[in-house]
């Protein structure tokens, strides 16, 4: 069995449990719904979607509101968060690392939200490959953006949060990807306040 990385151990353990406890409430789901309604406005005929790094399923709930006919799937490494997400009964959520997920199919949409920022930089190429390979058409990347790679202290922990141009790196890596849309969520939004996340919708050229 593969040995988990430092970041994977971090999120699979106590810190990940505490994070799951913090990420509760209808306000978070409302903010996610507002984000996804904008981020996915230019997609067409989404029949399946996969989220890498599902946590307790807040994003899946938002997606279910917007895409009632879409088959939802997720991947979550933390046992506690996985149990809550699977218990929602709205998606097939696989328990384990996104690096070990190997379904025998593709999805119309693959997405990450607040996941790539928590991966060690040397793991990003593998994460990008998962997002790209598992998607048949669309990829949504919603993360903290910075034009140049930078590490930020995360709740007193080092080596656990990194900002960079994730979507730009994917566009450079895969020649058949194109930028379809992008946007920003602001923590001072008067109606749907959320983390200062920048989202990018990418599409594979036919």
N, C-alpha and C. Protein backbone atom coordinates (compact mmCIF):
# COMPACT_ATOMS: atom_id res chain seq x y z
N UNK A 1 0.84 -1.19 0.00
CA UNK A 1 0.00 0.00 0.00
C UNK A 1 0.88 1.25 0.00
N UNK A 2 0.53 2.27 -0.79
CA UNK A 2 1.33 3.48 -0.92
C UNK A 2 1.37 4.25 0.39
N UNK A 3 2.54 4.77 0.74
CA UNK A 3 2.67 5.61 1.93
C UNK A 3 2.13 6.99 1.63
N UNK A 4 1.26 7.50 2.50
CA UNK A 4 0.65 8.81 2.28
C UNK A 4 1.68 9.91 2.47
N UNK A 5 1.51 11.00 1.73
CA UNK A 5 2.38 12.15 1.87
C UNK A 5 2.06 12.91 3.16
N UNK A 6 2.92 13.85 3.52
CA UNK A 6 2.70 14.66 4.72
C UNK A 6 1.35 15.37 4.67
N UNK A 7 1.04 15.96 3.51
CA UNK A 7 -0.23 16.68 3.38
C UNK A 7 -1.43 15.74 3.49
N UNK A 8 -1.33 14.56 2.89
CA UNK A 8 -2.43 13.60 2.97
C UNK A 8 -2.66 13.14 4.41
N UNK A 9 -1.59 12.87 5.13
CA UNK A 9 -1.71 12.48 6.54
C UNK A 9 -2.36 13.59 7.34
N UNK A 10 -2.00 14.83 7.05
CA UNK A 10 -2.53 16.00 7.75
C UNK A 10 -4.04 16.06 7.62
N UNK A 11 -4.54 15.89 6.39
CA UNK A 11 -5.98 16.02 6.15
C UNK A 11 -6.75 14.76 6.52
N UNK A 12 -6.09 13.62 6.51
CA UNK A 12 -6.76 12.38 6.90
C UNK A 12 -6.91 12.28 8.42
N UNK A 13 -6.12 13.07 9.16
CA UNK A 13 -6.09 12.96 10.61
C UNK A 13 -6.95 13.97 11.34
N UNK A 14 -6.46 14.36 12.54
CA UNK A 14 -7.22 15.22 13.45
C UNK A 14 -7.55 16.57 12.85
N UNK A 15 -6.59 17.17 12.14
CA UNK A 15 -6.85 18.48 11.55
C UNK A 15 -8.00 18.38 10.55
N UNK A 16 -8.00 17.32 9.76
CA UNK A 16 -9.09 17.12 8.81
C UNK A 16 -10.43 16.93 9.50
N UNK A 17 -10.42 16.24 10.64
CA UNK A 17 -11.66 16.07 11.42
C UNK A 17 -12.18 17.42 11.90
N UNK A 18 -11.27 18.24 12.42
CA UNK A 18 -11.66 19.56 12.91
C UNK A 18 -12.17 20.45 11.77
N UNK A 19 -11.54 20.33 10.61
CA UNK A 19 -11.98 21.11 9.45
C UNK A 19 -13.41 20.73 9.07
N UNK A 20 -13.69 19.44 9.10
CA UNK A 20 -15.05 18.98 8.78
C UNK A 20 -16.07 19.58 9.74
N UNK A 21 -15.70 19.69 11.00
CA UNK A 21 -16.61 20.28 11.99
C UNK A 21 -16.84 21.77 11.73
N UNK A 22 -15.82 22.46 11.22
CA UNK A 22 -15.94 23.90 10.97
C UNK A 22 -16.78 24.21 9.73
N UNK A 23 -16.79 23.31 8.78
CA UNK A 23 -17.41 23.59 7.47
C UNK A 23 -18.89 23.18 7.46
N UNK A 24 -19.66 23.76 8.35
CA UNK A 24 -21.07 23.42 8.47
C UNK A 24 -21.92 24.66 8.24
N UNK A 25 -23.16 24.46 7.81
CA UNK A 25 -24.10 25.57 7.76
C UNK A 25 -24.66 25.88 6.39
N UNK A 26 -25.91 26.35 6.39
CA UNK A 26 -26.60 26.67 5.15
C UNK A 26 -25.96 27.85 4.41
N UNK A 27 -25.32 28.77 5.16
CA UNK A 27 -24.70 29.93 4.51
C UNK A 27 -23.58 29.50 3.57
N UNK A 28 -22.82 28.49 3.97
CA UNK A 28 -21.74 27.99 3.11
C UNK A 28 -22.30 27.38 1.83
N UNK A 29 -23.38 26.63 1.97
CA UNK A 29 -24.00 26.01 0.81
C UNK A 29 -24.58 27.07 -0.12
N UNK A 30 -25.17 28.11 0.45
CA UNK A 30 -25.72 29.20 -0.37
C UNK A 30 -24.61 29.89 -1.15
N UNK A 31 -23.48 30.16 -0.48
CA UNK A 31 -22.35 30.80 -1.17
C UNK A 31 -21.80 29.91 -2.27
N UNK A 32 -21.72 28.60 -2.00
CA UNK A 32 -21.25 27.67 -3.02
C UNK A 32 -22.20 27.61 -4.21
N UNK A 33 -23.48 27.63 -3.93
CA UNK A 33 -24.48 27.60 -5.00
C UNK A 33 -24.35 28.84 -5.89
N UNK A 34 -24.16 30.00 -5.26
CA UNK A 34 -23.97 31.23 -6.03
C UNK A 34 -22.72 31.15 -6.90
N UNK A 35 -21.64 30.62 -6.33
CA UNK A 35 -20.40 30.48 -7.10
C UNK A 35 -20.58 29.55 -8.29
N UNK A 36 -21.13 28.37 -8.04
CA UNK A 36 -21.27 27.39 -9.12
C UNK A 36 -22.26 27.84 -10.19
N UNK A 37 -23.28 28.61 -9.81
CA UNK A 37 -24.23 29.08 -10.80
C UNK A 37 -23.54 29.98 -11.83
N UNK A 38 -22.54 30.72 -11.38
CA UNK A 38 -21.77 31.56 -12.30
C UNK A 38 -20.70 30.75 -13.03
N UNK A 39 -19.99 29.93 -12.28
CA UNK A 39 -18.86 29.20 -12.85
C UNK A 39 -19.28 28.19 -13.91
N UNK A 40 -20.49 27.66 -13.78
CA UNK A 40 -20.93 26.63 -14.72
C UNK A 40 -21.93 27.15 -15.75
N UNK A 41 -22.13 28.46 -15.80
CA UNK A 41 -23.14 29.03 -16.69
C UNK A 41 -22.85 28.74 -18.16
N UNK A 42 -21.59 28.56 -18.52
CA UNK A 42 -21.25 28.34 -19.93
C UNK A 42 -21.04 26.87 -20.27
N UNK A 43 -21.35 25.98 -19.34
CA UNK A 43 -21.29 24.56 -19.66
C UNK A 43 -22.57 24.13 -20.35
N UNK A 44 -22.54 22.94 -20.94
CA UNK A 44 -23.70 22.40 -21.63
C UNK A 44 -23.87 20.93 -21.30
N UNK A 45 -25.11 20.54 -21.03
CA UNK A 45 -25.50 19.14 -20.89
C UNK A 45 -24.58 18.36 -19.94
N UNK A 46 -24.46 18.83 -18.73
CA UNK A 46 -23.67 18.12 -17.73
C UNK A 46 -24.48 16.94 -17.18
N UNK A 47 -24.03 15.74 -17.50
CA UNK A 47 -24.71 14.55 -17.02
C UNK A 47 -23.94 13.84 -15.91
N UNK A 48 -22.66 14.21 -15.73
CA UNK A 48 -21.87 13.60 -14.67
C UNK A 48 -20.81 14.59 -14.22
N UNK A 49 -20.51 14.57 -12.92
CA UNK A 49 -19.52 15.48 -12.35
C UNK A 49 -18.78 14.78 -11.23
N UNK A 50 -17.49 15.04 -11.13
CA UNK A 50 -16.64 14.46 -10.10
C UNK A 50 -15.90 15.56 -9.36
N UNK A 51 -16.03 15.57 -8.03
CA UNK A 51 -15.27 16.51 -7.21
C UNK A 51 -14.15 15.77 -6.50
N UNK A 52 -12.93 16.24 -6.68
CA UNK A 52 -11.78 15.70 -5.97
C UNK A 52 -11.57 16.54 -4.70
N UNK A 53 -11.69 15.91 -3.54
CA UNK A 53 -11.61 16.63 -2.29
C UNK A 53 -12.97 17.14 -1.86
N UNK A 54 -13.86 16.22 -1.55
CA UNK A 54 -15.27 16.54 -1.32
C UNK A 54 -15.55 17.10 0.07
N UNK A 55 -14.72 16.74 1.06
CA UNK A 55 -14.97 17.07 2.45
C UNK A 55 -16.37 16.55 2.84
N UNK A 56 -17.19 17.35 3.52
CA UNK A 56 -18.48 16.83 4.01
C UNK A 56 -19.59 16.93 2.97
N UNK A 57 -19.27 17.44 1.78
CA UNK A 57 -20.25 17.43 0.70
C UNK A 57 -20.97 18.74 0.44
N UNK A 58 -20.50 19.86 1.02
CA UNK A 58 -21.18 21.14 0.77
C UNK A 58 -21.26 21.49 -0.70
N UNK A 59 -20.18 21.24 -1.42
CA UNK A 59 -20.18 21.55 -2.85
C UNK A 59 -21.13 20.63 -3.61
N UNK A 60 -21.20 19.39 -3.20
CA UNK A 60 -22.10 18.45 -3.85
C UNK A 60 -23.56 18.86 -3.65
N UNK A 61 -23.88 19.35 -2.46
CA UNK A 61 -25.24 19.82 -2.19
C UNK A 61 -25.58 20.99 -3.11
N UNK A 62 -24.64 21.93 -3.24
CA UNK A 62 -24.86 23.07 -4.13
C UNK A 62 -25.05 22.62 -5.58
N UNK A 63 -24.22 21.66 -6.00
CA UNK A 63 -24.34 21.14 -7.37
C UNK A 63 -25.66 20.41 -7.58
N UNK A 64 -26.12 19.70 -6.57
CA UNK A 64 -27.40 19.00 -6.70
C UNK A 64 -28.54 20.00 -6.88
N UNK A 65 -28.50 21.14 -6.19
CA UNK A 65 -29.52 22.18 -6.38
C UNK A 65 -29.53 22.67 -7.82
N UNK A 66 -28.35 22.85 -8.39
CA UNK A 66 -28.23 23.44 -9.73
C UNK A 66 -28.39 22.42 -10.84
N UNK A 67 -27.99 21.19 -10.57
CA UNK A 67 -27.95 20.14 -11.61
C UNK A 67 -28.70 18.90 -11.12
N UNK A 68 -30.00 18.97 -11.02
CA UNK A 68 -30.76 17.85 -10.45
C UNK A 68 -30.65 16.55 -11.23
N UNK A 69 -30.34 16.64 -12.52
CA UNK A 69 -30.24 15.43 -13.33
C UNK A 69 -28.83 14.92 -13.52
N UNK A 70 -27.87 15.52 -12.84
CA UNK A 70 -26.45 15.17 -13.02
C UNK A 70 -26.04 14.11 -11.99
N UNK A 71 -25.36 13.06 -12.45
CA UNK A 71 -24.84 12.04 -11.55
C UNK A 71 -23.57 12.57 -10.90
N UNK A 72 -23.60 12.70 -9.58
CA UNK A 72 -22.49 13.30 -8.84
C UNK A 72 -21.61 12.24 -8.20
N UNK A 73 -20.30 12.50 -8.22
CA UNK A 73 -19.34 11.62 -7.57
C UNK A 73 -18.33 12.48 -6.83
N UNK A 74 -17.69 11.90 -5.82
CA UNK A 74 -16.70 12.64 -5.05
C UNK A 74 -15.61 11.72 -4.55
N UNK A 75 -14.53 12.34 -4.10
CA UNK A 75 -13.39 11.63 -3.51
C UNK A 75 -13.00 12.38 -2.24
N UNK A 76 -12.87 11.68 -1.13
CA UNK A 76 -12.50 12.33 0.13
C UNK A 76 -11.61 11.42 0.96
N UNK A 77 -10.51 11.98 1.45
CA UNK A 77 -9.51 11.18 2.16
C UNK A 77 -9.84 11.02 3.64
N UNK A 78 -10.55 11.97 4.23
CA UNK A 78 -10.82 11.93 5.65
C UNK A 78 -12.05 11.06 5.96
N UNK A 79 -11.89 10.12 6.87
CA UNK A 79 -12.97 9.17 7.18
C UNK A 79 -14.24 9.87 7.65
N UNK A 80 -14.08 10.81 8.57
CA UNK A 80 -15.23 11.51 9.15
C UNK A 80 -15.97 12.31 8.10
N UNK A 81 -15.23 13.08 7.30
CA UNK A 81 -15.85 13.89 6.26
C UNK A 81 -16.50 13.00 5.20
N UNK A 82 -15.83 11.91 4.84
CA UNK A 82 -16.38 10.99 3.85
C UNK A 82 -17.72 10.43 4.31
N UNK A 83 -17.80 10.04 5.56
CA UNK A 83 -19.05 9.46 6.08
C UNK A 83 -20.19 10.46 5.98
N UNK A 84 -19.91 11.73 6.28
CA UNK A 84 -20.96 12.75 6.18
C UNK A 84 -21.37 12.98 4.72
N UNK A 85 -20.39 13.05 3.83
CA UNK A 85 -20.70 13.29 2.42
C UNK A 85 -21.48 12.13 1.82
N UNK A 86 -21.05 10.90 2.10
CA UNK A 86 -21.74 9.74 1.57
C UNK A 86 -23.14 9.64 2.17
N UNK A 87 -23.27 10.05 3.43
CA UNK A 87 -24.55 9.97 4.12
C UNK A 87 -25.60 10.92 3.58
N UNK A 88 -25.19 11.90 2.78
CA UNK A 88 -26.15 12.81 2.17
C UNK A 88 -27.07 12.09 1.19
N UNK A 89 -26.57 11.01 0.61
CA UNK A 89 -27.37 10.24 -0.33
C UNK A 89 -27.55 10.89 -1.69
N UNK A 90 -26.67 11.83 -2.06
CA UNK A 90 -26.81 12.53 -3.35
C UNK A 90 -25.67 12.25 -4.30
N UNK A 91 -24.65 11.50 -3.83
CA UNK A 91 -23.49 11.26 -4.66
C UNK A 91 -22.80 9.97 -4.25
N UNK A 92 -22.04 9.42 -5.16
CA UNK A 92 -21.20 8.27 -4.88
C UNK A 92 -19.83 8.81 -4.48
N UNK A 93 -19.51 8.73 -3.19
CA UNK A 93 -18.28 9.32 -2.67
C UNK A 93 -17.29 8.21 -2.30
N UNK A 94 -16.14 8.23 -2.96
CA UNK A 94 -15.10 7.23 -2.73
C UNK A 94 -14.19 7.70 -1.61
N UNK A 95 -13.84 6.81 -0.68
CA UNK A 95 -12.99 7.17 0.44
C UNK A 95 -11.54 6.85 0.12
N UNK A 96 -10.70 7.88 0.11
CA UNK A 96 -9.28 7.69 -0.16
C UNK A 96 -8.67 8.94 -0.76
N UNK A 97 -7.41 8.83 -1.14
CA UNK A 97 -6.68 9.95 -1.71
C UNK A 97 -7.06 10.16 -3.17
N UNK A 98 -7.10 11.40 -3.59
CA UNK A 98 -7.39 11.69 -5.01
C UNK A 98 -6.31 11.10 -5.91
N UNK A 99 -5.12 10.86 -5.37
CA UNK A 99 -4.05 10.28 -6.18
C UNK A 99 -4.24 8.79 -6.43
N UNK A 100 -5.08 8.16 -5.65
CA UNK A 100 -5.31 6.71 -5.78
C UNK A 100 -6.63 6.37 -6.45
N UNK A 101 -7.39 7.38 -6.81
CA UNK A 101 -8.71 7.15 -7.41
C UNK A 101 -8.55 6.77 -8.87
N UNK A 102 -9.07 5.60 -9.25
CA UNK A 102 -8.89 5.08 -10.61
C UNK A 102 -10.20 4.51 -11.15
N UNK A 103 -11.20 5.34 -11.41
CA UNK A 103 -12.45 4.84 -11.98
C UNK A 103 -12.24 4.46 -13.45
N UNK A 104 -13.04 3.56 -13.93
CA UNK A 104 -12.92 3.13 -15.32
C UNK A 104 -13.86 3.94 -16.22
N UNK A 105 -13.90 5.25 -16.00
CA UNK A 105 -14.76 6.10 -16.80
C UNK A 105 -14.32 7.55 -16.66
N UNK A 106 -14.88 8.39 -17.53
CA UNK A 106 -14.66 9.83 -17.43
C UNK A 106 -15.95 10.52 -17.01
N UNK A 107 -15.82 11.79 -16.66
CA UNK A 107 -16.95 12.60 -16.22
C UNK A 107 -17.03 13.85 -17.09
N UNK A 108 -18.25 14.34 -17.31
CA UNK A 108 -18.41 15.56 -18.10
C UNK A 108 -17.66 16.74 -17.47
N UNK A 109 -17.62 16.74 -16.13
CA UNK A 109 -16.97 17.81 -15.38
C UNK A 109 -16.15 17.22 -14.24
N UNK A 110 -14.91 17.67 -14.11
CA UNK A 110 -14.14 17.42 -12.91
C UNK A 110 -13.87 18.76 -12.23
N UNK A 111 -13.83 18.76 -10.92
CA UNK A 111 -13.63 20.04 -10.22
C UNK A 111 -12.89 19.87 -8.92
N UNK A 112 -12.23 20.95 -8.54
CA UNK A 112 -11.62 21.08 -7.22
C UNK A 112 -11.94 22.47 -6.70
N UNK A 113 -12.14 22.56 -5.39
CA UNK A 113 -12.38 23.85 -4.75
C UNK A 113 -11.67 23.85 -3.40
N UNK A 114 -10.59 24.63 -3.31
CA UNK A 114 -9.82 24.68 -2.08
C UNK A 114 -9.09 23.40 -1.78
N UNK A 115 -8.59 22.73 -2.80
CA UNK A 115 -7.88 21.46 -2.63
C UNK A 115 -6.43 21.56 -3.10
N UNK A 116 -6.22 22.10 -4.30
CA UNK A 116 -4.86 22.20 -4.85
C UNK A 116 -3.96 23.06 -3.97
N UNK A 117 -4.54 24.05 -3.29
CA UNK A 117 -3.74 24.92 -2.43
C UNK A 117 -3.10 24.16 -1.27
N UNK A 118 -3.66 23.01 -0.93
CA UNK A 118 -3.16 22.25 0.21
C UNK A 118 -2.26 21.09 -0.20
N UNK A 119 -1.89 21.02 -1.46
CA UNK A 119 -0.99 19.96 -1.93
C UNK A 119 0.42 20.50 -2.06
N UNK A 120 1.41 19.67 -1.71
CA UNK A 120 2.80 20.06 -1.92
C UNK A 120 3.02 20.33 -3.41
N UNK A 121 3.79 21.35 -3.75
CA UNK A 121 3.98 21.71 -5.17
C UNK A 121 4.42 20.55 -6.06
N UNK A 122 5.23 19.63 -5.53
CA UNK A 122 5.71 18.54 -6.38
C UNK A 122 4.61 17.51 -6.67
N UNK A 123 3.47 17.62 -5.96
CA UNK A 123 2.35 16.72 -6.22
C UNK A 123 1.37 17.27 -7.25
N UNK A 124 1.51 18.55 -7.58
CA UNK A 124 0.53 19.19 -8.47
C UNK A 124 0.44 18.54 -9.85
N UNK A 125 1.57 18.19 -10.50
CA UNK A 125 1.44 17.56 -11.82
C UNK A 125 0.54 16.32 -11.81
N UNK A 126 0.61 15.53 -10.74
CA UNK A 126 -0.24 14.33 -10.65
C UNK A 126 -1.69 14.73 -10.43
N UNK A 127 -1.92 15.76 -9.62
CA UNK A 127 -3.29 16.24 -9.41
C UNK A 127 -3.86 16.81 -10.70
N UNK A 128 -3.05 17.57 -11.44
CA UNK A 128 -3.50 18.10 -12.72
C UNK A 128 -3.86 16.96 -13.67
N UNK A 129 -3.03 15.93 -13.67
CA UNK A 129 -3.29 14.79 -14.56
C UNK A 129 -4.60 14.10 -14.21
N UNK A 130 -4.92 14.01 -12.92
CA UNK A 130 -6.19 13.41 -12.52
C UNK A 130 -7.36 14.26 -13.02
N UNK A 131 -7.30 15.56 -12.80
CA UNK A 131 -8.37 16.45 -13.26
C UNK A 131 -8.55 16.36 -14.76
N UNK A 132 -7.45 16.33 -15.48
CA UNK A 132 -7.49 16.32 -16.94
C UNK A 132 -7.96 14.97 -17.49
N UNK A 133 -7.36 13.90 -17.01
CA UNK A 133 -7.65 12.57 -17.54
C UNK A 133 -9.08 12.13 -17.25
N UNK A 134 -9.58 12.47 -16.07
CA UNK A 134 -10.91 12.02 -15.68
C UNK A 134 -12.03 12.86 -16.27
N UNK A 135 -11.68 13.97 -16.92
CA UNK A 135 -12.70 14.83 -17.54
C UNK A 135 -12.83 14.52 -19.03
N UNK A 136 -14.07 14.44 -19.49
CA UNK A 136 -14.31 14.29 -20.92
C UNK A 136 -14.49 15.63 -21.61
N UNK A 137 -14.74 16.70 -20.80
CA UNK A 137 -14.94 18.01 -21.44
C UNK A 137 -14.54 19.19 -20.56
N UNK A 138 -15.12 19.33 -19.36
CA UNK A 138 -14.92 20.54 -18.56
C UNK A 138 -14.09 20.26 -17.30
N UNK A 139 -13.31 21.27 -16.89
CA UNK A 139 -12.56 21.23 -15.64
C UNK A 139 -12.79 22.56 -14.93
N UNK A 140 -13.20 22.51 -13.67
CA UNK A 140 -13.39 23.72 -12.87
C UNK A 140 -12.36 23.73 -11.74
N UNK A 141 -11.56 24.80 -11.71
CA UNK A 141 -10.54 24.98 -10.69
C UNK A 141 -10.90 26.22 -9.89
N UNK A 142 -11.20 26.07 -8.60
CA UNK A 142 -11.56 27.19 -7.74
C UNK A 142 -10.62 27.18 -6.53
N UNK A 143 -9.64 28.07 -6.55
CA UNK A 143 -8.58 28.05 -5.54
C UNK A 143 -8.13 29.48 -5.22
N UNK A 144 -7.28 29.63 -4.22
CA UNK A 144 -6.63 30.91 -3.97
C UNK A 144 -5.61 31.16 -5.08
N UNK A 145 -5.71 32.31 -5.71
CA UNK A 145 -4.85 32.62 -6.87
C UNK A 145 -3.70 33.54 -6.48
N UNK A 146 -2.55 33.30 -7.07
CA UNK A 146 -1.43 34.23 -7.02
C UNK A 146 -0.65 34.06 -8.32
N UNK A 147 -0.21 35.15 -8.95
CA UNK A 147 0.48 35.01 -10.23
C UNK A 147 1.79 34.24 -10.14
N UNK A 148 2.44 34.26 -8.98
CA UNK A 148 3.67 33.49 -8.77
C UNK A 148 3.47 32.58 -7.56
N UNK A 149 4.10 31.41 -7.54
CA UNK A 149 3.94 30.49 -6.42
C UNK A 149 4.40 31.12 -5.11
N UNK A 150 3.60 30.94 -4.06
CA UNK A 150 3.94 31.47 -2.75
C UNK A 150 3.34 30.56 -1.68
N UNK A 151 4.07 30.38 -0.58
CA UNK A 151 3.56 29.61 0.55
C UNK A 151 3.03 30.56 1.61
N UNK A 152 1.91 30.17 2.23
CA UNK A 152 1.27 30.98 3.27
C UNK A 152 1.09 30.10 4.51
N UNK A 153 1.35 30.66 5.69
CA UNK A 153 1.11 29.93 6.93
C UNK A 153 -0.39 29.65 7.05
N UNK A 154 -0.73 28.43 7.42
CA UNK A 154 -2.13 28.02 7.50
C UNK A 154 -2.46 27.58 8.91
N UNK A 155 -3.16 28.45 9.65
CA UNK A 155 -3.54 28.15 11.03
C UNK A 155 -2.34 27.68 11.85
N UNK A 156 -1.22 28.38 11.65
CA UNK A 156 0.00 28.09 12.39
C UNK A 156 0.83 26.95 11.85
N UNK A 157 0.41 26.37 10.71
CA UNK A 157 1.13 25.24 10.12
C UNK A 157 1.87 25.68 8.86
N UNK A 158 3.09 25.21 8.70
CA UNK A 158 3.85 25.48 7.48
C UNK A 158 3.76 24.29 6.54
N UNK A 159 3.97 24.56 5.25
CA UNK A 159 3.92 23.49 4.26
C UNK A 159 2.54 22.94 4.01
N UNK A 160 1.49 23.74 4.32
CA UNK A 160 0.12 23.24 4.19
C UNK A 160 -0.77 24.12 3.32
N UNK A 161 -0.28 25.28 2.87
CA UNK A 161 -1.09 26.12 1.99
C UNK A 161 -0.18 26.87 1.02
N UNK A 162 -0.49 26.71 -0.26
CA UNK A 162 0.30 27.31 -1.33
C UNK A 162 -0.63 27.99 -2.33
N UNK A 163 -0.29 29.20 -2.72
CA UNK A 163 -1.05 29.89 -3.76
C UNK A 163 -0.22 29.94 -5.04
N UNK A 164 -0.90 29.88 -6.19
CA UNK A 164 -0.23 30.00 -7.48
C UNK A 164 -1.29 30.06 -8.57
N UNK A 165 -0.88 30.11 -9.81
CA UNK A 165 -1.81 30.12 -10.94
C UNK A 165 -2.04 28.69 -11.40
N UNK A 166 -2.88 27.98 -10.65
CA UNK A 166 -3.12 26.56 -10.95
C UNK A 166 -3.70 26.37 -12.34
N UNK A 167 -4.72 27.14 -12.67
CA UNK A 167 -5.36 26.99 -13.98
C UNK A 167 -4.39 27.32 -15.10
N UNK A 168 -3.59 28.37 -14.92
CA UNK A 168 -2.61 28.73 -15.93
C UNK A 168 -1.61 27.63 -16.17
N UNK A 169 -1.21 26.95 -15.11
CA UNK A 169 -0.26 25.84 -15.26
C UNK A 169 -0.90 24.69 -16.01
N UNK A 170 -2.19 24.46 -15.80
CA UNK A 170 -2.87 23.41 -16.56
C UNK A 170 -2.99 23.79 -18.03
N UNK A 171 -3.28 25.05 -18.31
CA UNK A 171 -3.37 25.50 -19.69
C UNK A 171 -2.02 25.35 -20.40
N UNK A 172 -0.94 25.61 -19.68
CA UNK A 172 0.40 25.44 -20.27
C UNK A 172 0.75 23.97 -20.48
N UNK A 173 0.24 23.13 -19.60
CA UNK A 173 0.60 21.71 -19.63
C UNK A 173 -0.18 20.94 -20.71
N UNK A 174 -1.43 21.33 -20.92
CA UNK A 174 -2.29 20.58 -21.85
C UNK A 174 -2.73 21.49 -23.00
N UNK A 175 -2.20 21.22 -24.18
CA UNK A 175 -2.43 22.09 -25.33
C UNK A 175 -3.85 22.12 -25.84
N UNK A 176 -4.67 21.11 -25.50
CA UNK A 176 -6.05 21.10 -25.99
C UNK A 176 -7.03 21.72 -25.00
N UNK A 177 -6.53 22.31 -23.91
CA UNK A 177 -7.40 23.02 -22.98
C UNK A 177 -7.53 24.48 -23.38
N UNK A 178 -8.70 25.03 -23.18
CA UNK A 178 -8.91 26.46 -23.40
C UNK A 178 -9.65 27.05 -22.21
N UNK A 179 -9.40 28.32 -21.93
CA UNK A 179 -10.09 29.03 -20.87
C UNK A 179 -11.46 29.46 -21.37
N UNK A 180 -12.50 28.97 -20.70
CA UNK A 180 -13.86 29.27 -21.12
C UNK A 180 -14.46 30.43 -20.33
N UNK A 181 -14.12 30.52 -19.04
CA UNK A 181 -14.65 31.59 -18.21
C UNK A 181 -13.86 31.63 -16.91
N UNK A 182 -13.97 32.74 -16.17
CA UNK A 182 -13.33 32.85 -14.87
C UNK A 182 -14.02 33.92 -14.04
N UNK A 183 -13.80 33.89 -12.72
CA UNK A 183 -14.43 34.87 -11.85
C UNK A 183 -13.84 34.81 -10.45
N UNK A 184 -14.41 35.61 -9.56
CA UNK A 184 -13.86 35.78 -8.22
C UNK A 184 -14.98 35.88 -7.19
N UNK A 185 -14.77 35.27 -6.03
CA UNK A 185 -15.71 35.43 -4.92
C UNK A 185 -15.03 36.25 -3.83
N UNK A 186 -15.79 37.14 -3.20
CA UNK A 186 -15.22 38.11 -2.28
C UNK A 186 -15.79 37.93 -0.88
N UNK A 187 -14.92 38.00 0.12
CA UNK A 187 -15.37 37.76 1.50
C UNK A 187 -16.28 38.88 2.01
N UNK A 188 -16.34 40.02 1.30
CA UNK A 188 -17.24 41.11 1.69
C UNK A 188 -18.49 41.20 0.81
N UNK A 189 -18.73 40.17 0.05
CA UNK A 189 -19.95 40.17 -0.76
C UNK A 189 -21.15 40.35 0.17
N UNK A 190 -22.06 41.31 -0.12
CA UNK A 190 -23.16 41.59 0.81
C UNK A 190 -24.21 40.49 0.90
N UNK A 191 -24.29 39.63 -0.12
CA UNK A 191 -25.31 38.59 -0.13
C UNK A 191 -24.74 37.19 0.06
N UNK A 192 -23.65 36.89 -0.65
CA UNK A 192 -23.05 35.56 -0.59
C UNK A 192 -21.56 35.65 -0.27
N UNK A 193 -21.20 36.08 0.94
CA UNK A 193 -19.78 36.17 1.30
C UNK A 193 -19.12 34.80 1.30
N UNK A 194 -17.90 34.75 0.77
CA UNK A 194 -17.16 33.49 0.69
C UNK A 194 -15.68 33.79 0.72
N UNK A 195 -14.86 32.76 0.82
CA UNK A 195 -13.42 32.96 0.75
C UNK A 195 -13.06 33.66 -0.56
N UNK A 196 -11.93 34.34 -0.54
CA UNK A 196 -11.48 35.06 -1.74
C UNK A 196 -10.90 34.08 -2.75
N UNK A 197 -11.79 33.35 -3.38
CA UNK A 197 -11.41 32.29 -4.32
C UNK A 197 -11.59 32.77 -5.76
N UNK A 198 -10.63 32.46 -6.58
CA UNK A 198 -10.74 32.72 -8.02
C UNK A 198 -11.03 31.41 -8.72
N UNK A 199 -12.05 31.40 -9.57
CA UNK A 199 -12.42 30.16 -10.26
C UNK A 199 -12.15 30.29 -11.76
N UNK A 200 -11.80 29.17 -12.36
CA UNK A 200 -11.50 29.09 -13.79
C UNK A 200 -12.21 27.88 -14.37
N UNK A 201 -12.98 28.10 -15.42
CA UNK A 201 -13.62 27.01 -16.14
C UNK A 201 -12.83 26.74 -17.42
N UNK A 202 -12.31 25.52 -17.51
CA UNK A 202 -11.52 25.11 -18.66
C UNK A 202 -12.30 24.09 -19.48
N UNK A 203 -12.04 24.04 -20.77
CA UNK A 203 -12.72 23.09 -21.64
C UNK A 203 -11.73 22.44 -22.59
N UNK A 204 -11.91 21.14 -22.77
CA UNK A 204 -11.10 20.42 -23.75
C UNK A 204 -11.62 20.72 -25.16
N UNK A 205 -10.73 21.09 -26.06
CA UNK A 205 -11.15 21.31 -27.43
C UNK A 205 -11.50 19.98 -28.07
N UNK A 206 -12.53 19.98 -28.89
CA UNK A 206 -12.93 18.73 -29.57
C UNK A 206 -11.84 18.30 -30.55
